[in-house]
Amino acid sequence: MELSSLLTHHARYRPQATAVIFDQQRLDYRHFSARVARVAHLLLGLGVKKKERVATLLPNTLELLEIYWACARIGAVAVPLSPLLTGSGLSSLVNDAGAVCLVTQKSLLPVVEAVLPQLATLAPPRILLIDGDQPPWGSYAALAAAAPEGEPPAAGVTPDDLFNIMYTSGTTGLP
């Protein structure tokens, strides 16, 4: 079974089984799969295509988990970045990954704004905030709520497709 279809499979055969517990939220497979499908449609609506990179600059959040699974569904590549990154570290990794979308939160926006001129592949409509509506940045919640329900079109994901890029390093330099 492919990672791209795992949630859909569980939503069909174990809809009431617990899929995610995050803070005080408990989501069964049916509800979590539906949330992920909306995020997949959100990404497709932004023009994200198979093999394109979606970066996240977030602490552990439910939205981060949704993005991981949504990327798998549409064949995009998840690029989780540490919320501790600043300046050249952030721009270096976003540019290296070739991210076409970035999802972050308001508290990290000053870091993004400081390096925005150096982010060759990103523009405000494809920089989303999970915690509010602050133009020119996109609102993750509003776009997800407006996204179509139901499964996105099959992306033709294969076992050889890249799922994520993880940047790791020691304490002495950039990854």
Protein backbone atom coordinates (compact mmCIF):
# COMPACT_ATOMS: atom_id res chain seq x y z
CA MET A 1 0.00 0.00 0.00
CA GLU A 2 1.31 3.43 -0.95
CA LEU A 3 1.68 6.20 1.62
CA SER A 4 -0.49 8.39 -0.61
CA SER A 5 -3.51 6.12 -0.11
CA LEU A 6 -2.98 4.97 3.48
CA LEU A 7 -5.34 7.48 5.14
CA THR A 8 -8.04 6.92 2.54
CA HIS A 9 -7.78 3.18 3.13
CA HIS A 10 -8.15 3.56 6.90
CA ALA A 11 -10.98 6.09 6.49
CA ARG A 12 -12.84 3.50 4.44
CA TYR A 13 -12.18 0.41 6.54
CA ARG A 14 -11.72 1.87 10.05
CA PRO A 15 -13.54 5.21 9.94
CA GLN A 16 -14.14 5.52 13.70
CA ALA A 17 -10.69 4.36 14.80
CA THR A 18 -8.51 7.05 16.30
CA ALA A 19 -6.07 8.48 13.76
CA VAL A 20 -4.65 11.49 15.59
CA ILE A 21 -4.57 12.84 19.10
CA PHE A 22 -3.14 16.34 19.27
CA ASP A 23 -3.47 18.47 22.38
CA GLN A 24 -7.15 18.19 23.26
CA GLN A 25 -8.24 17.12 19.77
CA ARG A 26 -9.00 13.52 18.92
CA LEU A 27 -9.68 12.80 15.26
CA ASP A 28 -10.83 9.52 13.80
CA TYR A 29 -9.64 8.36 10.38
CA ARG A 30 -12.76 9.61 8.60
CA HIS A 31 -12.39 13.16 9.91
CA PHE A 32 -8.61 13.35 9.65
CA SER A 33 -8.66 11.98 6.10
CA ALA A 34 -11.28 14.59 5.15
CA ARG A 35 -9.14 17.39 6.63
CA VAL A 36 -6.10 16.14 4.72
CA ALA A 37 -8.12 15.95 1.48
CA ARG A 38 -9.09 19.62 1.89
CA VAL A 39 -5.45 20.58 2.43
CA ALA A 40 -4.49 18.54 -0.65
CA HIS A 41 -7.09 20.52 -2.63
CA LEU A 42 -5.76 23.75 -1.06
CA LEU A 43 -2.25 22.94 -2.33
CA LEU A 44 -3.53 21.97 -5.76
CA GLY A 45 -5.53 25.21 -5.85
CA LEU A 46 -2.30 27.14 -5.25
CA GLY A 47 -0.83 25.35 -8.26
CA VAL A 48 1.40 22.92 -6.36
CA LYS A 49 2.16 19.97 -8.59
CA LYS A 50 3.57 16.49 -8.13
CA LYS A 51 7.27 16.58 -7.18
CA GLU A 52 7.13 20.26 -6.17
CA ARG A 53 8.28 21.18 -2.67
CA VAL A 54 6.10 22.50 0.15
CA ALA A 55 8.12 23.89 3.06
CA THR A 56 6.85 24.30 6.58
CA LEU A 57 8.29 26.61 9.20
CA LEU A 58 6.20 25.47 12.13
CA PRO A 59 6.44 23.99 15.59
CA ASN A 60 4.53 20.75 16.15
CA THR A 61 0.95 21.54 15.10
CA LEU A 62 -2.00 19.66 13.68
CA GLU A 63 -1.56 21.68 10.47
CA LEU A 64 1.99 20.36 10.11
CA LEU A 65 0.66 16.81 10.21
CA GLU A 66 -2.08 17.65 7.70
CA ILE A 67 0.49 19.10 5.30
CA TYR A 68 2.68 15.99 5.51
CA TRP A 69 -0.22 13.74 4.55
CA ALA A 70 -1.59 16.17 1.94
CA CYS A 71 1.81 16.26 0.23
CA ALA A 72 1.82 12.45 0.13
CA ARG A 73 -1.64 12.45 -1.44
CA ILE A 74 -0.76 14.78 -4.28
CA GLY A 75 2.83 13.60 -4.77
CA ALA A 76 4.35 16.86 -3.53
CA VAL A 77 7.50 16.84 -1.39
CA ALA A 78 7.22 17.94 2.24
CA VAL A 79 10.14 20.05 3.49
CA PRO A 80 9.85 20.57 7.25
CA LEU A 81 12.12 23.36 8.48
CA SER A 82 13.02 24.15 12.04
CA PRO A 83 11.19 27.14 13.53
CA LEU A 84 14.54 28.05 15.08
CA LEU A 85 15.97 29.00 11.67
CA THR A 86 16.73 32.64 11.01
CA GLY A 87 18.02 34.78 8.17
CA SER A 88 20.48 33.13 5.84
CA GLY A 89 19.78 29.69 7.32
CA LEU A 90 16.13 29.91 6.30
CA SER A 91 16.74 31.40 2.86
CA SER A 92 19.50 28.87 2.14
CA LEU A 93 17.28 25.87 2.86
CA VAL A 94 14.15 27.21 1.14
CA ASN A 95 16.19 27.99 -1.97
CA ASP A 96 18.08 24.69 -1.86
CA ALA A 97 14.80 22.77 -1.68
CA GLY A 98 13.20 24.90 -4.38
CA ALA A 99 10.06 25.27 -2.26
CA VAL A 100 7.08 26.70 -4.15
CA CYS A 101 4.93 27.07 -1.03
CA LEU A 102 5.71 27.87 2.60
CA VAL A 103 3.37 27.37 5.56
CA THR A 104 4.22 29.19 8.77
CA GLN A 105 2.59 31.13 11.61
CA LYS A 106 2.39 34.82 12.59
CA SER A 107 5.08 34.63 15.25
CA LEU A 108 7.61 33.44 12.61
CA LEU A 109 6.55 35.91 9.93
CA PRO A 110 9.24 38.51 10.81
CA VAL A 111 11.92 35.90 9.99
CA VAL A 112 10.26 35.16 6.64
CA GLU A 113 9.76 38.84 5.81
CA ALA A 114 13.43 39.58 6.53
CA VAL A 115 14.59 37.12 3.85
CA LEU A 116 11.68 37.31 1.39
CA PRO A 117 13.73 39.15 -1.28
CA GLN A 118 16.18 36.22 -1.24
CA LEU A 119 13.50 33.53 -1.62
CA ALA A 120 13.62 32.98 -5.37
CA THR A 121 10.72 30.52 -5.59
CA LEU A 122 8.24 32.07 -3.14
CA ALA A 123 5.78 34.95 -3.19
CA PRO A 124 3.17 36.02 -0.59
CA PRO A 125 0.16 34.23 -2.14
CA ARG A 126 2.01 30.95 -1.62
CA ILE A 127 3.15 31.83 1.89
CA LEU A 128 0.38 30.73 4.21
CA LEU A 129 -0.28 31.50 7.87
CA ILE A 130 -1.95 28.84 9.99
CA ASP A 131 -3.12 31.34 12.58
CA GLY A 132 -4.89 34.18 10.89
CA ASP A 133 -5.66 36.27 7.90
CA GLN A 134 -3.02 38.92 7.31
CA PRO A 135 -2.77 40.10 3.69
CA PRO A 136 -0.77 39.69 1.54
CA TRP A 137 -0.15 36.32 3.16
CA GLY A 138 -2.60 33.50 2.52
CA SER A 139 -4.79 32.14 5.29
CA TYR A 140 -4.32 28.39 5.63
CA ALA A 141 -7.60 27.99 7.55
CA ALA A 142 -9.67 30.06 5.11
CA LEU A 143 -8.21 28.34 2.05
CA ALA A 144 -8.69 24.89 3.59
CA ALA A 145 -12.30 25.70 4.54
CA ALA A 146 -13.00 26.90 0.99
CA ALA A 147 -11.31 23.90 -0.64
CA PRO A 148 -13.47 21.19 -2.20
CA GLU A 149 -14.42 18.15 -0.18
CA GLY A 150 -13.59 14.66 -1.36
CA GLU A 151 -10.49 13.02 -2.65
CA PRO A 152 -8.15 14.95 -4.93
CA PRO A 153 -7.38 13.45 -8.33
CA ALA A 154 -4.98 10.52 -8.20
CA ALA A 155 -1.42 11.80 -8.47
CA GLY A 156 0.12 8.58 -9.72
CA VAL A 157 2.49 8.37 -6.77
CA THR A 158 4.97 5.50 -7.02
CA PRO A 159 7.35 3.95 -4.47
CA ASP A 160 10.24 5.77 -6.18
CA ASP A 161 8.74 9.25 -5.74
CA LEU A 162 10.37 11.54 -3.22
CA PHE A 163 8.19 12.19 -0.15
CA ASN A 164 10.20 14.60 1.95
CA ILE A 165 13.48 16.42 2.35
CA MET A 166 14.88 16.55 5.87
CA TYR A 167 17.63 19.05 6.59
CA THR A 168 19.69 17.99 9.58
CA SER A 169 23.03 19.10 10.95
CA GLY A 170 25.19 19.35 13.99
CA THR A 171 25.79 22.57 15.85
CA THR A 172 28.65 23.84 13.71
CA GLY A 173 27.02 24.86 10.47
CA LEU A 174 24.18 24.74 8.00
CA PRO A 175 22.79 21.35 6.95
